[in-house]
Amino acid sequence: MIVLSFGYDDRDWAQAQMKELHPKSTYQWITFTACATRPTCWGGGVFTDDKANSLLVLTTEVLDDNHTSGTLEAHEYLHAIQQNQMRRATVWPETSEWPPSWYREGQATFAQNAAIYYQSFDLYLKNRRYTSEELIKDSTITSAWIQEFFVVDQPQSWFGKYKSWRQYDLGARMVEVLTAIKGPKSTMEIWRLVGAGLTFNAAFEKVYEISFDKALPIISKAIALDLGRS
């Protein structure tokens, strides 16, 4: 894996490096998303080519807790593992042949907290709260809302309906439940099976021995109760 770090003033250089290292990648992502302006130059990403070479791209302009604690690196490295299990080059936008975005980002968000704040459960919970403050405060997010949110084959309208951060914090709650049921290896097995040609729903049922549609109401209720709601 190659690590490419840069600040706002180095955007053009970073984009040229990414284009050279991964010619088929969406290197424009650097100026469009990861580092569009100086105040919002805080993104990170992992890109894998058709030879399984990974490029970890990290911005260093905004040095907040996420950039100094190790959570950003842990989050993006988890994406590298996901892509390694899929055994496919990175595509964007992702197609229905990939697990849903809330699973991808939720697993990485769960992993960053579990990997960096492993010293105690209290410390893990503290940082879990920090990364999901809006989720905790929004009383409209009930079990019914959560169940409606977790769509597997997401149409474009889905992305306009929900705030993007719900893919991260609420997705992490889903992965946390699945990890509690069958361990972290089970959540990564989903990627291996999808990479082998199974749909997400088929992979889920193979791993957890229950269909996603049947499990979803139960998981949604558990998440809602943890948030103090019905």
Protein backbone atom coordinates (compact mmCIF):
# COMPACT_ATOMS: atom_id res chain seq x y z
CA MET A 1 0.00 0.00 0.00
CA ILE A 2 1.19 3.51 -0.85
CA VAL A 3 0.20 6.42 1.42
CA LEU A 4 -0.27 9.85 -0.17
CA SER A 5 -0.65 12.77 2.27
CA PHE A 6 -1.09 16.41 1.32
CA GLY A 7 -2.43 19.80 2.38
CA TYR A 8 -4.51 22.35 0.51
CA ASP A 9 -1.56 24.05 -1.19
CA ASP A 10 -0.39 20.68 -2.56
CA ARG A 11 -3.67 19.65 -4.20
CA ASP A 12 -2.42 19.85 -7.78
CA TRP A 13 0.71 17.88 -6.88
CA ALA A 14 -1.37 15.25 -5.08
CA GLN A 15 -3.76 14.93 -7.99
CA ALA A 16 -0.84 14.45 -10.39
CA GLN A 17 0.65 11.80 -8.09
CA MET A 18 -2.65 9.96 -7.84
CA LYS A 19 -3.12 10.06 -11.61
CA GLU A 20 0.36 8.62 -12.10
CA LEU A 21 -0.02 5.91 -9.46
CA HIS A 22 -3.61 4.97 -10.37
CA PRO A 23 -4.29 6.18 -13.93
CA LYS A 24 -7.81 4.73 -13.98
CA SER A 25 -8.82 6.17 -10.61
CA THR A 26 -11.12 9.12 -10.02
CA TYR A 27 -8.18 11.35 -9.13
CA GLN A 28 -10.43 14.41 -9.54
CA TRP A 29 -11.86 13.34 -6.18
CA ILE A 30 -8.97 15.21 -4.54
CA THR A 31 -10.18 18.66 -5.60
CA PHE A 32 -13.89 17.86 -5.86
CA THR A 33 -14.39 16.09 -2.53
CA ALA A 34 -11.43 15.45 -0.25
CA CYS A 35 -9.93 18.93 -0.41
CA ALA A 36 -12.39 21.22 -2.18
CA THR A 37 -11.60 24.24 0.03
CA ARG A 38 -9.01 24.96 2.69
CA PRO A 39 -11.53 24.73 5.60
CA THR A 40 -12.98 21.47 4.24
CA CYS A 41 -9.70 19.81 3.27
CA TRP A 42 -10.25 16.93 5.68
CA GLY A 43 -11.05 13.89 3.55
CA GLY A 44 -9.47 10.49 3.16
CA GLY A 45 -9.91 7.60 0.78
CA VAL A 46 -8.58 4.24 -0.39
CA PHE A 47 -8.32 3.27 -4.03
CA THR A 48 -7.48 -0.19 -5.38
CA ASP A 49 -6.55 -0.93 -8.99
CA ASP A 50 -7.09 -4.08 -11.04
CA LYS A 51 -3.78 -5.49 -9.75
CA ALA A 52 -4.87 -5.12 -6.11
CA ASN A 53 -2.47 -2.23 -5.49
CA SER A 54 -3.90 0.07 -2.83
CA LEU A 55 -3.42 3.82 -2.50
CA LEU A 56 -4.34 5.44 0.83
CA VAL A 57 -4.96 9.17 0.39
CA LEU A 58 -5.02 11.38 3.51
CA THR A 59 -5.38 15.14 3.82
CA THR A 60 -3.36 16.97 6.48
CA GLU A 61 -4.77 20.50 6.24
CA VAL A 62 -7.31 20.23 9.08
CA LEU A 63 -5.74 18.62 12.14
CA ASP A 64 -8.78 17.77 14.27
CA ASP A 65 -9.15 14.73 16.56
CA ASN A 66 -10.00 12.53 13.60
CA HIS A 67 -6.65 13.41 11.99
CA THR A 68 -4.48 13.06 15.09
CA SER A 69 -5.98 10.09 16.96
CA GLY A 70 -5.54 7.47 14.25
CA THR A 71 -9.25 7.05 13.52
CA LEU A 72 -8.98 8.38 9.97
CA GLU A 73 -6.18 5.95 9.12
CA ALA A 74 -8.10 3.07 10.75
CA HIS A 75 -11.27 3.98 8.86
CA GLU A 76 -9.58 4.12 5.48
CA TYR A 77 -7.45 1.02 6.09
CA LEU A 78 -10.65 -0.90 6.79
CA HIS A 79 -11.86 0.16 3.35
CA ALA A 80 -8.67 -1.34 1.91
CA ILE A 81 -9.50 -4.66 3.60
CA GLN A 82 -13.05 -4.52 2.23
CA GLN A 83 -11.76 -4.02 -1.29
CA ASN A 84 -9.18 -6.77 -0.83
CA GLN A 85 -11.97 -9.19 0.11
CA MET A 86 -13.99 -8.12 -2.94
CA ARG A 87 -10.94 -8.72 -5.16
CA ARG A 88 -12.08 -6.02 -7.54
CA ALA A 89 -10.77 -2.63 -8.52
CA THR A 90 -12.41 0.40 -6.94
CA VAL A 91 -15.39 1.72 -8.92
CA TRP A 92 -17.29 4.96 -8.47
CA PRO A 93 -20.13 5.26 -8.21
CA GLU A 94 -20.44 1.76 -6.80
CA THR A 95 -22.92 -0.54 -8.48
CA SER A 96 -25.50 -2.90 -6.98
CA GLU A 97 -22.84 -5.62 -7.15
CA TRP A 98 -21.26 -4.03 -4.06
CA PRO A 99 -22.64 -4.01 -0.49
CA PRO A 100 -24.73 -0.89 0.26
CA SER A 101 -22.94 2.33 1.17
CA TRP A 102 -24.26 2.30 4.75
CA TYR A 103 -22.62 -1.10 5.23
CA ARG A 104 -19.32 0.03 3.74
CA GLU A 105 -19.08 3.25 5.75
CA GLY A 106 -20.75 1.82 8.84
CA GLN A 107 -18.23 -1.01 9.08
CA ALA A 108 -15.32 1.43 8.70
CA THR A 109 -16.77 3.77 11.34
CA PHE A 110 -17.34 0.92 13.78
CA ALA A 111 -13.82 -0.38 13.14
CA GLN A 112 -12.14 3.00 13.68
CA ASN A 113 -13.65 3.30 17.16
CA ALA A 114 -13.01 -0.33 18.08
CA ALA A 115 -9.41 -0.26 16.81
CA ILE A 116 -8.30 3.05 18.31
CA TYR A 117 -10.33 3.11 21.53
CA TYR A 118 -9.84 -0.52 22.52
CA GLN A 119 -8.46 0.21 26.00
CA SER A 120 -11.86 0.09 27.69
CA PHE A 121 -15.53 -0.23 26.82
CA ASP A 122 -16.20 3.14 28.44
CA LEU A 123 -13.65 4.81 26.16
CA TYR A 124 -15.19 3.08 23.15
CA LEU A 125 -18.66 4.30 24.15
CA LYS A 126 -17.38 7.84 24.74
CA ASN A 127 -16.04 8.09 21.20
CA ARG A 128 -19.06 6.29 19.80
CA ARG A 129 -21.17 9.08 21.28
CA TYR A 130 -18.81 11.69 19.84
CA THR A 131 -19.19 10.36 16.30
CA SER A 132 -22.97 9.97 16.55
CA GLU A 133 -24.13 13.05 18.48
CA GLU A 134 -26.68 14.04 15.84
CA LEU A 135 -28.07 10.50 15.70
CA ILE A 136 -28.48 10.46 19.48
CA LYS A 137 -30.19 13.88 19.61
CA ASP A 138 -32.63 13.34 16.73
CA SER A 139 -35.80 12.03 18.38
CA THR A 140 -37.45 11.39 14.99
CA ILE A 141 -35.13 8.43 14.41
CA THR A 142 -37.31 5.58 15.68
CA SER A 143 -37.21 1.87 14.93
CA ALA A 144 -39.59 2.41 11.99
CA TRP A 145 -37.35 5.20 10.64
CA ILE A 146 -34.27 3.01 11.01
CA GLN A 147 -35.94 0.09 9.26
CA GLU A 148 -36.87 2.34 6.34
CA PHE A 149 -33.32 3.71 6.17
CA PHE A 150 -31.55 0.38 5.64
CA VAL A 151 -32.25 -0.12 1.94
CA VAL A 152 -30.01 -2.64 0.21
CA ASP A 153 -30.42 -1.61 -3.43
CA GLN A 154 -30.30 2.15 -2.91
CA PRO A 155 -31.87 4.27 -5.68
CA GLN A 156 -30.38 7.71 -6.31
CA SER A 157 -33.36 9.27 -4.50
CA TRP A 158 -32.26 7.51 -1.29
CA PHE A 159 -29.08 9.58 -1.16
CA GLY A 160 -31.08 12.79 -1.42
CA LYS A 161 -33.52 11.73 1.29
CA TYR A 162 -31.05 11.06 4.11
CA LYS A 163 -28.14 13.02 5.52
CA SER A 164 -24.90 11.44 4.34
CA TRP A 165 -23.52 11.00 7.86
CA ARG A 166 -26.29 8.48 8.66
CA GLN A 167 -24.41 6.04 6.44
CA TYR A 168 -21.56 6.32 8.93
CA ASP A 169 -23.08 6.56 12.41
CA LEU A 170 -26.26 4.55 11.87
CA GLY A 171 -24.44 2.12 9.62
CA ALA A 172 -21.93 1.61 12.44
CA ARG A 173 -24.77 0.66 14.80
CA MET A 174 -25.91 -2.00 12.34
CA VAL A 175 -22.40 -3.46 12.07
CA GLU A 176 -22.01 -3.28 15.85
CA VAL A 177 -25.08 -5.50 16.26
CA LEU A 178 -23.83 -7.98 13.67
CA THR A 179 -20.41 -8.06 15.35
CA ALA A 180 -22.04 -8.77 18.71
CA ILE A 181 -23.96 -11.67 17.16
CA LYS A 182 -21.17 -13.43 15.28
CA GLY A 183 -17.92 -11.52 15.66
CA PRO A 184 -15.99 -9.14 13.39
CA LYS A 185 -14.95 -11.88 10.99
CA SER A 186 -18.59 -12.40 10.04
CA THR A 187 -19.02 -8.80 8.90
CA MET A 188 -15.98 -9.07 6.64
CA GLU A 189 -17.14 -12.44 5.28
CA ILE A 190 -19.99 -10.55 3.63
CA TRP A 191 -17.45 -8.81 1.40
CA ARG A 192 -15.74 -12.05 0.43
CA LEU A 193 -19.03 -13.67 -0.52
CA VAL A 194 -20.24 -10.66 -2.49
CA GLY A 195 -16.90 -10.59 -4.29
CA ALA A 196 -17.45 -14.25 -5.16
CA GLY A 197 -20.73 -13.38 -6.87
CA LEU A 198 -23.44 -13.52 -4.19
CA THR A 199 -25.84 -10.65 -3.66
CA PHE A 200 -25.67 -8.80 -0.36
CA ASN A 201 -28.94 -10.42 0.76
CA ALA A 202 -27.72 -13.91 -0.14
CA ALA A 203 -24.39 -13.33 1.61
CA PHE A 204 -26.15 -11.99 4.71
CA GLU A 205 -28.39 -15.05 4.96
CA LYS A 206 -25.47 -17.41 4.43
CA VAL A 207 -23.47 -15.79 7.24
CA TYR A 208 -26.22 -15.07 9.78
CA GLU A 209 -28.66 -17.87 8.90
CA ILE A 210 -31.60 -15.48 8.65
CA SER A 211 -32.74 -13.32 5.78
CA PHE A 212 -31.92 -9.63 5.93
CA ASP A 213 -35.61 -8.77 5.59
CA LYS A 214 -36.46 -10.87 8.67
CA ALA A 215 -33.50 -9.62 10.69
CA LEU A 216 -33.99 -5.94 9.89
CA PRO A 217 -37.02 -5.24 12.15
CA ILE A 218 -35.25 -6.93 15.08
CA ILE A 219 -32.00 -5.05 14.55
CA SER A 220 -33.83 -1.75 14.00
CA LYS A 221 -35.67 -2.21 17.29
CA ALA A 222 -32.42 -3.00 19.13
CA ILE A 223 -30.74 0.12 17.75
CA ALA A 224 -33.74 2.30 18.61
CA LEU A 225 -33.84 0.97 22.18
CA ASP A 226 -30.14 1.72 22.55
CA LEU A 227 -30.91 5.29 21.45
CA GLY A 228 -33.64 5.46 24.09
CA ARG A 229 -36.52 5.21 21.63
CA SER A 230 -39.17 2.75 20.57
